[in-house]
C-alpha atoms as a PDB file:
ATOM      1  CA  UNK A   1     -48.573 -21.064-141.570  1.00  0.00           C
ATOM      2  CA  UNK A   2     -49.297 -24.573-142.887  1.00  0.00           C
ATOM      3  CA  UNK A   3     -46.735 -27.418-143.228  1.00  0.00           C
ATOM      4  CA  UNK A   4     -45.972 -29.554-146.203  1.00  0.00           C
ATOM      5  CA  UNK A   5     -47.833 -32.383-144.575  1.00  0.00           C
ATOM      6  CA  UNK A   6     -50.936 -30.185-144.339  1.00  0.00           C
ATOM      7  CA  UNK A   7     -50.712 -29.366-148.050  1.00  0.00           C
ATOM      8  CA  UNK A   8     -49.935 -32.886-149.269  1.00  0.00           C
ATOM      9  CA  UNK A   9     -52.729 -34.455-147.240  1.00  0.00           C
ATOM     10  CA  UNK A  10     -55.183 -32.934-149.719  1.00  0.00           C
ATOM     11  CA  UNK A  11     -53.342 -34.063-152.811  1.00  0.00           C
ATOM     12  CA  UNK A  12     -53.211 -37.821-152.207  1.00  0.00           C
ATOM     13  CA  UNK A  13     -55.352 -38.648-155.223  1.00  0.00           C
ATOM     14  CA  UNK A  14     -53.676 -36.128-157.513  1.00  0.00           C
ATOM     15  CA  UNK A  15     -52.298 -37.392-160.837  1.00  0.00           C
ATOM     16  CA  UNK A  16     -49.090 -35.816-161.965  1.00  0.00           C
ATOM     17  CA  UNK A  17     -47.872 -34.036-164.051  1.00  0.00           C
ATOM     18  CA  UNK A  18     -50.428 -31.315-163.359  1.00  0.00           C
ATOM     19  CA  UNK A  19     -50.668 -27.539-163.685  1.00  0.00           C
ATOM     20  CA  UNK A  20     -51.118 -25.337-160.655  1.00  0.00           C
ATOM     21  CA  UNK A  21     -54.810 -24.765-161.404  1.00  0.00           C
ATOM     22  CA  UNK A  22     -55.550 -28.508-161.272  1.00  0.00           C
ATOM     23  CA  UNK A  23     -53.622 -28.912-158.049  1.00  0.00           C
ATOM     24  CA  UNK A  24     -55.617 -26.053-156.386  1.00  0.00           C
ATOM     25  CA  UNK A  25     -58.884 -27.539-157.737  1.00  0.00           C
ATOM     26  CA  UNK A  26     -58.042 -30.986-156.337  1.00  0.00           C
ATOM     27  CA  UNK A  27     -57.223 -29.551-152.906  1.00  0.00           C
ATOM     28  CA  UNK A  28     -60.579 -27.610-152.994  1.00  0.00           C
ATOM     29  CA  UNK A  29     -62.430 -30.851-153.948  1.00  0.00           C
ATOM     30  CA  UNK A  30     -60.688 -32.690-151.028  1.00  0.00           C
ATOM     31  CA  UNK A  31     -61.958 -30.067-148.606  1.00  0.00           C
ATOM     32  CA  UNK A  32     -58.669 -28.253-147.882  1.00  0.00           C
ATOM     33  CA  UNK A  33     -58.879 -25.322-145.429  1.00  0.00           C
ATOM     34  CA  UNK A  34     -58.323 -21.685-146.507  1.00  0.00           C
ATOM     35  CA  UNK A  35     -54.638 -21.746-145.317  1.00  0.00           C
ATOM     36  CA  UNK A  36     -53.799 -24.737-147.532  1.00  0.00           C
ATOM     37  CA  UNK A  37     -55.487 -23.267-150.552  1.00  0.00           C
ATOM     38  CA  UNK A  38     -53.674 -19.923-149.976  1.00  0.00           C
ATOM     39  CA  UNK A  39     -50.323 -21.807-149.933  1.00  0.00           C
ATOM     40  CA  UNK A  40     -51.150 -23.585-153.118  1.00  0.00           C
ATOM     41  CA  UNK A  41     -52.409 -20.426-154.903  1.00  0.00           C
ATOM     42  CA  UNK A  42     -49.056 -18.765-154.107  1.00  0.00           C
ATOM     43  CA  UNK A  43     -47.122 -21.219-156.292  1.00  0.00           C
ATOM     44  CA  UNK A  44     -45.787 -20.251-159.686  1.00  0.00           C
ATOM     45  CA  UNK A  45     -48.102 -21.149-162.654  1.00  0.00           C
ATOM     46  CA  UNK A  46     -46.078 -24.069-163.982  1.00  0.00           C
ATOM     47  CA  UNK A  47     -46.603 -27.816-164.421  1.00  0.00           C
ATOM     48  CA  UNK A  48     -45.626 -29.864-161.380  1.00  0.00           C
ATOM     49  CA  UNK A  49     -44.345 -33.388-161.888  1.00  0.00           C
ATOM     50  CA  UNK A  50     -44.778 -34.731-158.317  1.00  0.00           C
ATOM     51  CA  UNK A  51     -45.702 -33.824-154.795  1.00  0.00           C
ATOM     52  CA  UNK A  52     -42.046 -32.892-153.956  1.00  0.00           C
ATOM     53  CA  UNK A  53     -42.191 -30.071-156.476  1.00  0.00           C
ATOM     54  CA  UNK A  54     -45.496 -28.924-154.998  1.00  0.00           C
ATOM     55  CA  UNK A  55     -43.997 -29.050-151.459  1.00  0.00           C
ATOM     56  CA  UNK A  56     -41.030 -27.008-152.534  1.00  0.00           C
ATOM     57  CA  UNK A  57     -43.141 -24.346-154.225  1.00  0.00           C
ATOM     58  CA  UNK A  58     -46.064 -24.061-151.799  1.00  0.00           C
ATOM     59  CA  UNK A  59     -45.833 -21.388-149.180  1.00  0.00           C
ATOM     60  CA  UNK A  60     -45.404 -23.688-146.146  1.00  0.00           C
ATOM     61  CA  UNK A  61     -43.496 -23.436-142.900  1.00  0.00           C
ATOM     62  CA  UNK A  62     -41.042 -26.230-143.552  1.00  0.00           C
ATOM     63  CA  UNK A  63     -37.658 -25.017-142.272  1.00  0.00           C
ATOM     64  CA  UNK A  64     -37.894 -22.476-139.459  1.00  0.00           C
ATOM     65  CA  UNK A  65     -34.608 -23.817-138.033  1.00  0.00           C
ATOM     66  CA  UNK A  66     -32.749 -24.700-141.216  1.00  0.00           C
ATOM     67  CA  UNK A  67     -28.991 -24.608-141.021  1.00  0.00           C
ATOM     68  CA  UNK A  68     -26.915 -22.324-143.303  1.00  0.00           C
ATOM     69  CA  UNK A  69     -25.810 -25.422-145.249  1.00  0.00           C
ATOM     70  CA  UNK A  70     -29.415 -26.414-145.893  1.00  0.00           C
ATOM     71  CA  UNK A  71     -30.290 -22.888-146.994  1.00  0.00           C
ATOM     72  CA  UNK A  72     -27.321 -22.855-149.316  1.00  0.00           C
ATOM     73  CA  UNK A  73     -28.296 -26.194-150.844  1.00  0.00           C
ATOM     74  CA  UNK A  74     -31.765 -24.920-151.416  1.00  0.00           C
ATOM     75  CA  UNK A  75     -30.421 -21.814-153.081  1.00  0.00           C
ATOM     76  CA  UNK A  76     -28.613 -24.002-155.559  1.00  0.00           C
ATOM     77  CA  UNK A  77     -31.820 -25.902-156.385  1.00  0.00           C
ATOM     78  CA  UNK A  78     -32.782 -24.811-159.888  1.00  0.00           C
ATOM     79  CA  UNK A  79     -36.049 -26.764-160.183  1.00  0.00           C
ATOM     80  CA  UNK A  80     -38.295 -23.732-160.115  1.00  0.00           C
ATOM     81  CA  UNK A  81     -36.164 -20.648-160.611  1.00  0.00           C
ATOM     82  CA  UNK A  82     -39.240 -18.375-160.719  1.00  0.00           C
ATOM     83  CA  UNK A  83     -39.844 -18.962-156.973  1.00  0.00           C
ATOM     84  CA  UNK A  84     -38.521 -16.208-154.764  1.00  0.00           C
ATOM     85  CA  UNK A  85     -35.965 -17.314-152.174  1.00  0.00           C
ATOM     86  CA  UNK A  86     -38.265 -16.535-149.236  1.00  0.00           C
ATOM     87  CA  UNK A  87     -40.967 -18.733-150.765  1.00  0.00           C
ATOM     88  CA  UNK A  88     -38.709 -21.764-151.378  1.00  0.00           C
ATOM     89  CA  UNK A  89     -38.893 -24.691-148.924  1.00  0.00           C
ATOM     90  CA  UNK A  90     -36.255 -27.132-147.790  1.00  0.00           C
END
């Protein structure tokens, strides 16, 4: 699985806000590998206002050792409610 750093490396020139389709297209243009594109394509089809929102919604391996308190804080995050809990990132 890819990390947030892997995903965000290919979005350095991205202008926000941007819809998911534009974000995936920018990563393709920047030469992102298949794993990064797959993580971005797994995001909900909404407009993203910054890279933090992209990082939270992309299917990345961000918190394999997250504490229960960190998981609880993430569960309270209502930024993108259409993202399943297992797909949310800390």
